Amino acid sequence: MFCLNKNNSSGFTIIEVLVAISVGLVVILLSYLAYDATLRFTAAVNRKVELVQNGRVGLDRITRDLRQAQELVTVLPSVPDDPENPPAPELTFQDGHNQEPIIYIRYYLNENDLYRETAHYAFSGALDDWVPWSAVDEDGHTPDKITDSDEMIAEYIQNLIFWGEGRLVQISFSAQSGSDQVDFLTSVCGRNLR
């Protein structure tokens, strides 16, 4: 005969079910925390990489132009920390890539963006005749500055300064977003500077 034993149950007790649910919730919570930490770390690394990339783009552009410069228009102090003669927050120089026509390049900050401006100088009566920035006509008038282009080349840039002596120009700035900051400092020798 076949007989049923009522004392032998094959199910789980309420304690076993609660323990299993608790362990499952702990595993899910730990997985979520690991996933969230990975996302935060990845976002922080991506912000740092973006800052480095922005700073390098700006620095590469400035150094490439400055190496070919013919003449510095901006008067630079020899050291960056003299309170009587502070470093320049922008730099203007004659472009050395083309001798004719005479073009001037200016690097400057507008809020936290690095801009590159190209311009030329001409007297009001002869706008097609480009002249050096320091030219003076027969009446003693100086030429007008005419902006040819003005483009943003890097974001998140702060504390841009220039200083130097002779053909050596020092450049310093920071790329900053939130609490992340990358500092840049370089020396550029203007090969053609007079």
N, C-alpha and C. Protein backbone atom coordinates (compact mmCIF):
# COMPACT_ATOMS: atom_id res chain seq x y z
N MET A 1 0.79 -1.17 0.00
CA MET A 1 0.00 0.00 0.00
C MET A 1 0.84 1.25 0.00
N PHE A 2 0.20 2.16 -0.49
CA PHE A 2 0.86 3.47 -0.57
C PHE A 2 0.35 4.32 0.56
N CYS A 3 1.24 4.93 1.30
CA CYS A 3 0.82 5.68 2.47
C CYS A 3 1.48 7.05 2.47
N LEU A 4 0.78 8.04 2.86
CA LEU A 4 1.30 9.41 2.91
C LEU A 4 1.76 9.75 4.32
N ASN A 5 2.93 10.34 4.39
CA ASN A 5 3.43 10.77 5.69
C ASN A 5 3.18 12.27 5.80
N LYS A 6 2.37 12.66 6.73
CA LYS A 6 2.02 14.07 6.87
C LYS A 6 3.13 14.88 7.52
N ASN A 7 4.08 14.35 8.17
CA ASN A 7 5.17 15.07 8.82
C ASN A 7 6.30 15.40 7.85
N ASN A 8 6.39 14.77 6.70
CA ASN A 8 7.45 14.99 5.73
C ASN A 8 6.97 16.03 4.71
N SER A 9 7.40 17.29 4.84
CA SER A 9 7.01 18.32 3.88
C SER A 9 8.19 18.65 2.99
N SER A 10 7.91 18.95 1.74
CA SER A 10 8.99 19.23 0.80
C SER A 10 9.11 20.71 0.48
N GLY A 11 8.46 21.66 1.14
CA GLY A 11 8.52 23.09 0.89
C GLY A 11 9.55 23.79 1.77
N PHE A 12 9.64 25.13 1.60
CA PHE A 12 10.57 25.94 2.39
C PHE A 12 9.82 26.57 3.56
N THR A 13 10.53 26.77 4.62
CA THR A 13 9.93 27.46 5.76
C THR A 13 10.00 28.96 5.50
N ILE A 14 9.23 29.71 6.24
CA ILE A 14 9.22 31.17 6.08
C ILE A 14 10.59 31.76 6.40
N ILE A 15 11.31 31.22 7.32
CA ILE A 15 12.66 31.69 7.67
C ILE A 15 13.60 31.49 6.48
N GLU A 16 13.53 30.34 5.85
CA GLU A 16 14.39 30.05 4.70
C GLU A 16 14.09 31.01 3.54
N VAL A 17 12.80 31.29 3.33
CA VAL A 17 12.41 32.21 2.26
C VAL A 17 12.93 33.62 2.57
N LEU A 18 12.79 34.09 3.79
CA LEU A 18 13.26 35.43 4.17
C LEU A 18 14.79 35.53 4.06
N VAL A 19 15.50 34.50 4.44
CA VAL A 19 16.96 34.50 4.32
C VAL A 19 17.36 34.55 2.85
N ALA A 20 16.70 33.77 2.02
CA ALA A 20 17.00 33.76 0.58
C ALA A 20 16.72 35.13 -0.05
N ILE A 21 15.61 35.76 0.31
CA ILE A 21 15.29 37.10 -0.21
C ILE A 21 16.32 38.12 0.27
N SER A 22 16.72 38.04 1.53
CA SER A 22 17.72 38.98 2.08
C SER A 22 19.05 38.83 1.37
N VAL A 23 19.49 37.60 1.18
CA VAL A 23 20.76 37.38 0.48
C VAL A 23 20.66 37.89 -0.95
N GLY A 24 19.55 37.62 -1.61
CA GLY A 24 19.35 38.12 -2.97
C GLY A 24 19.38 39.65 -3.04
N LEU A 25 18.74 40.32 -2.09
CA LEU A 25 18.75 41.78 -2.05
C LEU A 25 20.15 42.34 -1.80
N VAL A 26 20.92 41.69 -0.94
CA VAL A 26 22.29 42.13 -0.67
C VAL A 26 23.13 41.99 -1.94
N VAL A 27 22.98 40.89 -2.66
CA VAL A 27 23.72 40.69 -3.91
C VAL A 27 23.33 41.76 -4.94
N ILE A 28 22.04 42.04 -5.06
CA ILE A 28 21.58 43.07 -6.00
C ILE A 28 22.10 44.45 -5.59
N LEU A 29 22.07 44.78 -4.30
CA LEU A 29 22.56 46.07 -3.82
C LEU A 29 24.06 46.21 -4.07
N LEU A 30 24.83 45.17 -3.78
CA LEU A 30 26.27 45.23 -4.02
C LEU A 30 26.57 45.37 -5.52
N SER A 31 25.81 44.70 -6.35
CA SER A 31 25.99 44.83 -7.80
C SER A 31 25.69 46.25 -8.26
N TYR A 32 24.62 46.84 -7.73
CA TYR A 32 24.27 48.21 -8.10
C TYR A 32 25.36 49.19 -7.63
N LEU A 33 25.85 49.02 -6.41
CA LEU A 33 26.89 49.91 -5.90
C LEU A 33 28.17 49.80 -6.74
N ALA A 34 28.53 48.60 -7.13
CA ALA A 34 29.71 48.42 -7.99
C ALA A 34 29.48 49.08 -9.35
N TYR A 35 28.30 48.92 -9.90
CA TYR A 35 27.96 49.54 -11.19
C TYR A 35 27.99 51.05 -11.09
N ASP A 36 27.40 51.61 -10.02
CA ASP A 36 27.38 53.06 -9.83
C ASP A 36 28.79 53.61 -9.64
N ALA A 37 29.62 52.91 -8.88
CA ALA A 37 31.01 53.36 -8.68
C ALA A 37 31.77 53.34 -10.00
N THR A 38 31.53 52.34 -10.82
CA THR A 38 32.17 52.26 -12.14
C THR A 38 31.73 53.42 -13.02
N LEU A 39 30.44 53.74 -13.01
CA LEU A 39 29.94 54.88 -13.80
C LEU A 39 30.56 56.19 -13.34
N ARG A 40 30.64 56.39 -12.03
CA ARG A 40 31.23 57.62 -11.50
C ARG A 40 32.72 57.73 -11.86
N PHE A 41 33.44 56.64 -11.72
CA PHE A 41 34.86 56.63 -12.06
C PHE A 41 35.06 56.92 -13.54
N THR A 42 34.26 56.29 -14.39
CA THR A 42 34.35 56.52 -15.83
C THR A 42 34.04 57.97 -16.18
N ALA A 43 33.03 58.54 -15.54
CA ALA A 43 32.69 59.95 -15.81
C ALA A 43 33.82 60.87 -15.37
N ALA A 44 34.45 60.59 -14.22
CA ALA A 44 35.57 61.42 -13.75
C ALA A 44 36.76 61.31 -14.70
N VAL A 45 37.06 60.11 -15.16
CA VAL A 45 38.16 59.92 -16.11
C VAL A 45 37.86 60.65 -17.42
N ASN A 46 36.61 60.55 -17.89
CA ASN A 46 36.24 61.23 -19.14
C ASN A 46 36.35 62.74 -19.02
N ARG A 47 35.98 63.31 -17.86
CA ARG A 47 36.12 64.75 -17.64
C ARG A 47 37.58 65.15 -17.68
N LYS A 48 38.44 64.36 -17.04
CA LYS A 48 39.87 64.66 -17.01
C LYS A 48 40.46 64.56 -18.42
N VAL A 49 40.06 63.55 -19.17
CA VAL A 49 40.55 63.39 -20.54
C VAL A 49 40.11 64.56 -21.40
N GLU A 50 38.86 65.02 -21.23
CA GLU A 50 38.37 66.17 -22.00
C GLU A 50 39.15 67.43 -21.65
N LEU A 51 39.48 67.61 -20.38
CA LEU A 51 40.27 68.77 -19.98
C LEU A 51 41.66 68.73 -20.60
N VAL A 52 42.29 67.57 -20.55
CA VAL A 52 43.63 67.42 -21.14
C VAL A 52 43.58 67.67 -22.64
N GLN A 53 42.56 67.13 -23.30
CA GLN A 53 42.44 67.31 -24.74
C GLN A 53 42.21 68.78 -25.10
N ASN A 54 41.34 69.46 -24.37
CA ASN A 54 41.11 70.88 -24.64
C ASN A 54 42.38 71.70 -24.43
N GLY A 55 43.08 71.42 -23.33
CA GLY A 55 44.31 72.15 -23.07
C GLY A 55 45.37 71.89 -24.13
N ARG A 56 45.51 70.65 -24.55
CA ARG A 56 46.51 70.31 -25.58
C ARG A 56 46.18 70.96 -26.92
N VAL A 57 44.91 70.99 -27.28
CA VAL A 57 44.52 71.64 -28.54
C VAL A 57 44.90 73.11 -28.51
N GLY A 58 44.56 73.79 -27.42
CA GLY A 58 44.91 75.21 -27.29
C GLY A 58 46.41 75.44 -27.29
N LEU A 59 47.12 74.64 -26.51
CA LEU A 59 48.57 74.80 -26.41
C LEU A 59 49.26 74.49 -27.74
N ASP A 60 48.83 73.45 -28.42
CA ASP A 60 49.42 73.12 -29.73
C ASP A 60 49.21 74.25 -30.73
N ARG A 61 48.04 74.83 -30.73
CA ARG A 61 47.73 75.91 -31.68
C ARG A 61 48.58 77.14 -31.40
N ILE A 62 48.68 77.51 -30.13
CA ILE A 62 49.48 78.69 -29.77
C ILE A 62 50.95 78.46 -30.12
N THR A 63 51.49 77.32 -29.73
CA THR A 63 52.92 77.08 -29.95
C THR A 63 53.26 77.00 -31.44
N ARG A 64 52.37 76.40 -32.22
CA ARG A 64 52.63 76.32 -33.67
C ARG A 64 52.70 77.72 -34.28
N ASP A 65 51.76 78.57 -33.94
CA ASP A 65 51.76 79.94 -34.47
C ASP A 65 52.94 80.75 -33.94
N LEU A 66 53.22 80.59 -32.66
CA LEU A 66 54.26 81.40 -32.02
C LEU A 66 55.66 81.04 -32.52
N ARG A 67 55.88 79.80 -32.85
CA ARG A 67 57.20 79.40 -33.38
C ARG A 67 57.53 80.12 -34.68
N GLN A 68 56.52 80.46 -35.46
CA GLN A 68 56.73 81.13 -36.74
C GLN A 68 56.58 82.65 -36.66
N ALA A 69 56.26 83.18 -35.49
CA ALA A 69 55.99 84.61 -35.33
C ALA A 69 57.16 85.47 -35.79
N GLN A 70 56.84 86.60 -36.42
CA GLN A 70 57.86 87.55 -36.89
C GLN A 70 58.18 88.60 -35.84
N GLU A 71 57.14 89.06 -35.12
CA GLU A 71 57.32 90.16 -34.15
C GLU A 71 56.26 90.05 -33.08
N LEU A 72 56.68 90.20 -31.83
CA LEU A 72 55.72 90.27 -30.73
C LEU A 72 55.20 91.69 -30.62
N VAL A 73 53.88 91.83 -30.60
CA VAL A 73 53.27 93.13 -30.38
C VAL A 73 53.09 93.36 -28.88
N THR A 74 52.70 92.32 -28.17
CA THR A 74 52.51 92.39 -26.72
C THR A 74 53.87 92.48 -26.04
N VAL A 75 54.02 93.45 -25.16
CA VAL A 75 55.24 93.57 -24.37
C VAL A 75 55.11 92.64 -23.17
N LEU A 76 56.07 91.71 -23.04
CA LEU A 76 56.00 90.69 -22.00
C LEU A 76 56.97 91.00 -20.86
N PRO A 77 56.54 90.76 -19.62
CA PRO A 77 57.48 90.85 -18.50
C PRO A 77 58.41 89.64 -18.54
N SER A 78 59.55 89.75 -17.88
CA SER A 78 60.51 88.66 -17.91
C SER A 78 60.18 87.54 -16.92
N VAL A 79 59.40 87.84 -15.88
CA VAL A 79 59.03 86.84 -14.88
C VAL A 79 57.51 86.89 -14.65
N PRO A 80 56.92 85.78 -14.18
CA PRO A 80 55.47 85.76 -14.02
C PRO A 80 54.96 86.30 -12.70
N ASP A 81 55.86 86.54 -11.74
CA ASP A 81 55.40 86.86 -10.39
C ASP A 81 55.84 88.23 -9.88
N ASP A 82 56.08 89.16 -10.77
CA ASP A 82 56.45 90.52 -10.37
C ASP A 82 55.17 91.35 -10.26
N PRO A 83 54.77 91.78 -9.04
CA PRO A 83 53.53 92.55 -8.90
C PRO A 83 53.60 93.91 -9.61
N GLU A 84 54.80 94.44 -9.81
CA GLU A 84 54.96 95.71 -10.51
C GLU A 84 54.78 95.56 -12.02
N ASN A 85 55.04 94.36 -12.54
CA ASN A 85 54.95 94.09 -13.97
C ASN A 85 54.34 92.70 -14.17
N PRO A 86 53.01 92.58 -14.02
CA PRO A 86 52.37 91.25 -14.07
C PRO A 86 52.41 90.65 -15.48
N PRO A 87 52.25 89.33 -15.58
CA PRO A 87 52.26 88.69 -16.90
C PRO A 87 51.06 89.13 -17.73
N ALA A 88 51.21 89.02 -19.04
CA ALA A 88 50.15 89.45 -19.96
C ALA A 88 49.05 88.39 -20.04
N PRO A 89 47.77 88.81 -19.99
CA PRO A 89 46.67 87.85 -20.09
C PRO A 89 46.33 87.48 -21.54
N GLU A 90 46.96 88.13 -22.49
CA GLU A 90 46.74 87.81 -23.91
C GLU A 90 48.05 88.07 -24.65
N LEU A 91 48.13 87.53 -25.87
CA LEU A 91 49.36 87.66 -26.65
C LEU A 91 49.01 87.98 -28.10
N THR A 92 49.64 89.04 -28.63
CA THR A 92 49.48 89.42 -30.03
C THR A 92 50.85 89.43 -30.69
N PHE A 93 50.91 88.87 -31.91
CA PHE A 93 52.16 88.82 -32.65
C PHE A 93 51.88 88.78 -34.14
N GLN A 94 52.91 89.14 -34.92
CA GLN A 94 52.79 89.11 -36.38
C GLN A 94 52.96 87.67 -36.86
N ASP A 95 52.03 87.23 -37.68
CA ASP A 95 52.07 85.87 -38.23
C ASP A 95 53.29 85.71 -39.12
N GLY A 96 54.02 84.62 -38.94
CA GLY A 96 55.21 84.38 -39.73
C GLY A 96 55.01 83.37 -40.83
N HIS A 97 53.82 82.80 -40.95
CA HIS A 97 53.57 81.82 -42.00
C HIS A 97 53.53 82.48 -43.38
N ASN A 98 53.01 83.69 -43.44
CA ASN A 98 52.96 84.44 -44.69
C ASN A 98 53.53 85.83 -44.45
N GLN A 99 54.45 86.23 -45.28
CA GLN A 99 55.04 87.56 -45.13
C GLN A 99 54.13 88.64 -45.73
N GLU A 100 53.42 88.31 -46.76
CA GLU A 100 52.50 89.26 -47.40
C GLU A 100 51.16 88.58 -47.56
N PRO A 101 50.10 89.15 -47.20
CA PRO A 101 49.95 90.41 -46.48
C PRO A 101 50.30 90.23 -45.00
N ILE A 102 50.48 91.35 -44.33
CA ILE A 102 50.86 91.34 -42.92
C ILE A 102 49.62 91.02 -42.07
N ILE A 103 49.68 89.90 -41.36
CA ILE A 103 48.55 89.46 -40.54
C ILE A 103 49.04 89.34 -39.09
N TYR A 104 48.17 89.69 -38.16
CA TYR A 104 48.47 89.60 -36.74
C TYR A 104 47.54 88.59 -36.08
N ILE A 105 48.10 87.82 -35.14
CA ILE A 105 47.34 86.80 -34.42
C ILE A 105 47.30 87.20 -32.95
N ARG A 106 46.12 87.04 -32.36
CA ARG A 106 45.95 87.34 -30.94
C ARG A 106 45.27 86.16 -30.25
N TYR A 107 45.86 85.71 -29.15
CA TYR A 107 45.25 84.67 -28.31
C TYR A 107 44.78 85.33 -27.02
N TYR A 108 43.54 85.04 -26.65
CA TYR A 108 42.96 85.66 -25.46
C TYR A 108 41.84 84.79 -24.91
N LEU A 109 41.44 85.06 -23.67
CA LEU A 109 40.32 84.36 -23.06
C LEU A 109 39.08 85.22 -23.12
N ASN A 110 37.95 84.59 -23.40
CA ASN A 110 36.64 85.20 -23.28
C ASN A 110 35.87 84.28 -22.34
N GLU A 111 35.70 84.71 -21.10
CA GLU A 111 35.20 83.87 -20.02
C GLU A 111 36.14 82.67 -19.90
N ASN A 112 35.68 81.44 -20.13
CA ASN A 112 36.56 80.28 -19.98
C ASN A 112 36.89 79.63 -21.33
N ASP A 113 36.79 80.39 -22.39
CA ASP A 113 37.08 79.88 -23.72
C ASP A 113 38.30 80.59 -24.29
N LEU A 114 39.19 79.82 -24.92
CA LEU A 114 40.39 80.36 -25.55
C LEU A 114 40.06 80.70 -27.00
N TYR A 115 40.34 81.94 -27.39
CA TYR A 115 40.06 82.41 -28.74
C TYR A 115 41.33 82.74 -29.50
N ARG A 116 41.27 82.58 -30.81
CA ARG A 116 42.35 82.95 -31.73
C ARG A 116 41.76 83.96 -32.72
N GLU A 117 42.29 85.17 -32.69
CA GLU A 117 41.82 86.24 -33.58
C GLU A 117 42.91 86.54 -34.59
N THR A 118 42.52 86.68 -35.85
CA THR A 118 43.46 87.19 -36.86
C THR A 118 42.95 88.54 -37.32
N ALA A 119 43.90 89.46 -37.55
CA ALA A 119 43.54 90.83 -37.93
C ALA A 119 44.65 91.42 -38.79
N HIS A 120 44.32 92.52 -39.41
CA HIS A 120 45.34 93.29 -40.14
C HIS A 120 45.08 94.77 -39.86
N TYR A 121 46.04 95.59 -40.24
CA TYR A 121 45.94 97.03 -40.01
C TYR A 121 45.98 97.75 -41.35
N ALA A 122 45.18 98.80 -41.44
CA ALA A 122 45.14 99.62 -42.66
C ALA A 122 44.68 101.02 -42.27
N PHE A 123 45.11 101.99 -43.07
CA PHE A 123 44.65 103.36 -42.84
C PHE A 123 43.28 103.53 -43.48
N SER A 124 42.46 104.38 -42.90
CA SER A 124 41.06 104.52 -43.34
C SER A 124 40.94 104.93 -44.80
N GLY A 125 41.90 105.63 -45.34
CA GLY A 125 41.82 106.03 -46.74
C GLY A 125 42.31 104.98 -47.71
N ALA A 126 42.98 103.93 -47.21
CA ALA A 126 43.56 102.91 -48.09
C ALA A 126 43.39 101.54 -47.43
N LEU A 127 42.15 101.06 -47.36
CA LEU A 127 41.86 99.82 -46.66
C LEU A 127 42.46 98.58 -47.33
N ASP A 128 42.80 98.69 -48.61
CA ASP A 128 43.40 97.54 -49.30
C ASP A 128 44.90 97.45 -49.08
N ASP A 129 45.50 98.47 -48.52
CA ASP A 129 46.94 98.48 -48.25
C ASP A 129 47.16 98.11 -46.78
N TRP A 130 47.56 96.87 -46.53
CA TRP A 130 47.80 96.40 -45.18
C TRP A 130 49.18 96.86 -44.73
N VAL A 131 49.25 97.38 -43.52
CA VAL A 131 50.49 97.96 -43.01
C VAL A 131 50.81 97.35 -41.65
N PRO A 132 52.05 97.51 -41.16
CA PRO A 132 52.37 97.05 -39.81
C PRO A 132 51.54 97.81 -38.76
N TRP A 133 51.33 97.17 -37.62
CA TRP A 133 50.52 97.77 -36.56
C TRP A 133 51.11 99.08 -36.07
N SER A 134 52.42 99.24 -36.18
CA SER A 134 53.09 100.43 -35.64
C SER A 134 53.25 101.55 -36.69
N ALA A 135 52.67 101.36 -37.86
CA ALA A 135 52.83 102.37 -38.92
C ALA A 135 52.14 103.67 -38.55
N VAL A 136 52.65 104.76 -39.10
CA VAL A 136 52.07 106.09 -38.91
C VAL A 136 52.04 106.77 -40.28
N ASP A 137 50.88 107.37 -40.63
CA ASP A 137 50.82 108.05 -41.94
C ASP A 137 51.45 109.44 -41.85
N GLU A 138 51.44 110.17 -42.96
CA GLU A 138 52.10 111.48 -43.00
C GLU A 138 51.46 112.51 -42.07
N ASP A 139 50.20 112.26 -41.64
CA ASP A 139 49.54 113.17 -40.70
C ASP A 139 49.69 112.73 -39.24
N GLY A 140 50.43 111.66 -39.02
CA GLY A 140 50.65 111.18 -37.66
C GLY A 140 49.57 110.24 -37.15
N HIS A 141 48.67 109.79 -38.03
CA HIS A 141 47.61 108.87 -37.62
C HIS A 141 48.10 107.43 -37.63
N THR A 142 47.59 106.66 -36.69
CA THR A 142 47.91 105.22 -36.65
C THR A 142 46.84 104.46 -37.44
N PRO A 143 47.16 103.25 -37.91
CA PRO A 143 46.19 102.50 -38.71
C PRO A 143 45.07 101.92 -37.86
N ASP A 144 43.97 101.57 -38.52
CA ASP A 144 42.83 100.93 -37.87
C ASP A 144 43.02 99.42 -37.89
N LYS A 145 42.60 98.79 -36.82
CA LYS A 145 42.66 97.32 -36.75
C LYS A 145 41.38 96.76 -37.38
N ILE A 146 41.54 95.80 -38.29
CA ILE A 146 40.40 95.17 -38.96
C ILE A 146 40.48 93.67 -38.65
N THR A 147 39.48 93.15 -37.94
CA THR A 147 39.46 91.74 -37.56
C THR A 147 39.02 90.90 -38.75
N ASP A 148 39.84 89.91 -39.09
CA ASP A 148 39.53 89.01 -40.20
C ASP A 148 38.80 87.76 -39.73
N SER A 149 39.19 87.20 -38.60
CA SER A 149 38.50 86.03 -38.03
C SER A 149 38.69 86.03 -36.52
N ASP A 150 37.76 85.39 -35.85
CA ASP A 150 37.81 85.29 -34.39
C ASP A 150 37.13 83.98 -34.02
N GLU A 151 37.92 82.95 -33.69
CA GLU A 151 37.34 81.63 -33.46
C GLU A 151 37.76 81.07 -32.11
N MET A 152 36.84 80.35 -31.48
CA MET A 152 37.14 79.67 -30.24
C MET A 152 37.90 78.39 -30.58
N ILE A 153 38.99 78.14 -29.85
CA ILE A 153 39.76 76.93 -30.15
C ILE A 153 39.82 75.95 -28.98
N ALA A 154 39.46 76.39 -27.76
CA ALA A 154 39.47 75.48 -26.61
C ALA A 154 38.52 75.99 -25.53
N GLU A 155 37.94 75.04 -24.79
CA GLU A 155 37.02 75.37 -23.71
C GLU A 155 37.67 75.08 -22.36
N TYR A 156 37.02 75.55 -21.30
CA TYR A 156 37.40 75.28 -19.91
C TYR A 156 38.78 75.85 -19.54
N ILE A 157 39.24 76.88 -20.22
CA ILE A 157 40.57 77.43 -19.99
C ILE A 157 40.48 78.59 -19.00
N GLN A 158 41.41 78.61 -18.03
CA GLN A 158 41.45 79.68 -17.03
C GLN A 158 42.89 80.08 -16.79
N ASN A 159 43.06 81.28 -16.25
CA ASN A 159 44.37 81.77 -15.79
C ASN A 159 45.44 81.77 -16.89
N LEU A 160 45.07 82.19 -18.09
CA LEU A 160 46.03 82.25 -19.20
C LEU A 160 46.97 83.43 -18.98
N ILE A 161 48.28 83.15 -18.97
CA ILE A 161 49.27 84.22 -18.84
C ILE A 161 50.47 83.93 -19.74
N PHE A 162 51.14 85.03 -20.14
CA PHE A 162 52.33 84.96 -20.98
C PHE A 162 53.43 85.83 -20.36
N TRP A 163 54.66 85.36 -20.43
CA TRP A 163 55.82 86.15 -20.02
C TRP A 163 57.03 85.59 -20.75
N GLY A 164 58.14 86.29 -20.68
CA GLY A 164 59.35 85.77 -21.32
C GLY A 164 60.33 86.87 -21.67
N GLU A 165 61.46 86.44 -22.23
CA GLU A 165 62.52 87.36 -22.63
C GLU A 165 63.06 86.95 -23.99
N GLY A 166 63.41 87.93 -24.79
CA GLY A 166 63.99 87.65 -26.10
C GLY A 166 63.05 86.84 -26.97
N ARG A 167 63.54 85.73 -27.48
CA ARG A 167 62.73 84.89 -28.35
C ARG A 167 61.97 83.80 -27.60
N LEU A 168 62.17 83.71 -26.29
CA LEU A 168 61.54 82.67 -25.48
C LEU A 168 60.28 83.22 -24.80
N VAL A 169 59.15 82.59 -25.09
CA VAL A 169 57.86 82.98 -24.51
C VAL A 169 57.35 81.84 -23.64
N GLN A 170 56.98 82.17 -22.41
CA GLN A 170 56.42 81.19 -21.48
C GLN A 170 54.90 81.31 -21.51
N ILE A 171 54.22 80.16 -21.49
CA ILE A 171 52.76 80.12 -21.52
C ILE A 171 52.29 79.26 -20.36
N SER A 172 51.32 79.77 -19.61
CA SER A 172 50.76 79.01 -18.49
C SER A 172 49.24 79.21 -18.47
N PHE A 173 48.52 78.12 -18.24
CA PHE A 173 47.07 78.20 -18.04
C PHE A 173 46.59 76.92 -17.38
N SER A 174 45.33 76.93 -16.97
CA SER A 174 44.69 75.75 -16.38
C SER A 174 43.46 75.42 -17.20
N ALA A 175 43.18 74.13 -17.31
CA ALA A 175 41.91 73.66 -17.87
C ALA A 175 41.13 73.13 -16.68
N GLN A 176 39.95 73.69 -16.44
CA GLN A 176 39.20 73.34 -15.24
C GLN A 176 37.72 73.18 -15.53
N SER A 177 37.16 72.11 -14.97
CA SER A 177 35.72 71.86 -15.04
C SER A 177 35.31 71.26 -13.70
N GLY A 178 34.45 71.96 -12.98
CA GLY A 178 34.07 71.50 -11.64
C GLY A 178 35.28 71.49 -10.73
N SER A 179 35.50 70.36 -10.07
CA SER A 179 36.65 70.25 -9.17
C SER A 179 37.88 69.67 -9.87
N ASP A 180 37.74 69.29 -11.13
CA ASP A 180 38.88 68.74 -11.88
C ASP A 180 39.68 69.86 -12.52
N GLN A 181 41.01 69.79 -12.41
CA GLN A 181 41.88 70.82 -12.98
C GLN A 181 43.15 70.17 -13.49
N VAL A 182 43.58 70.64 -14.69
CA VAL A 182 44.84 70.21 -15.27
C VAL A 182 45.63 71.47 -15.59
N ASP A 183 46.87 71.56 -15.12
CA ASP A 183 47.71 72.73 -15.34
C ASP A 183 48.65 72.50 -16.52
N PHE A 184 48.85 73.56 -17.31
CA PHE A 184 49.73 73.51 -18.47
C PHE A 184 50.77 74.62 -18.35
N LEU A 185 52.02 74.30 -18.67
CA LEU A 185 53.10 75.26 -18.65
C LEU A 185 54.10 74.84 -19.72
N THR A 186 54.47 75.76 -20.59
CA THR A 186 55.46 75.44 -21.62
C THR A 186 56.27 76.67 -21.99
N SER A 187 57.40 76.44 -22.63
CA SER A 187 58.24 77.49 -23.18
C SER A 187 58.28 77.32 -24.69
N VAL A 188 58.16 78.42 -25.41
CA VAL A 188 58.17 78.37 -26.87
C VAL A 188 59.24 79.34 -27.36
N CYS A 189 60.08 78.85 -28.26
CA CYS A 189 61.09 79.70 -28.87
C CYS A 189 60.58 80.17 -30.23
N GLY A 190 60.36 81.45 -30.35
CA GLY A 190 59.97 82.02 -31.64
C GLY A 190 61.18 82.09 -32.54
N ARG A 191 61.27 81.17 -33.48
CA ARG A 191 62.46 81.06 -34.32
C ARG A 191 62.73 82.28 -35.15
N ASN A 192 61.68 83.00 -35.56
CA ASN A 192 61.83 84.14 -36.44
C ASN A 192 61.68 85.48 -35.74
N LEU A 193 61.53 85.47 -34.41
CA LEU A 193 61.31 86.73 -33.69
C LEU A 193 62.52 87.64 -33.80
N ARG A 194 62.21 88.90 -33.98
CA ARG A 194 63.28 89.91 -34.04
C ARG A 194 63.47 90.51 -32.68
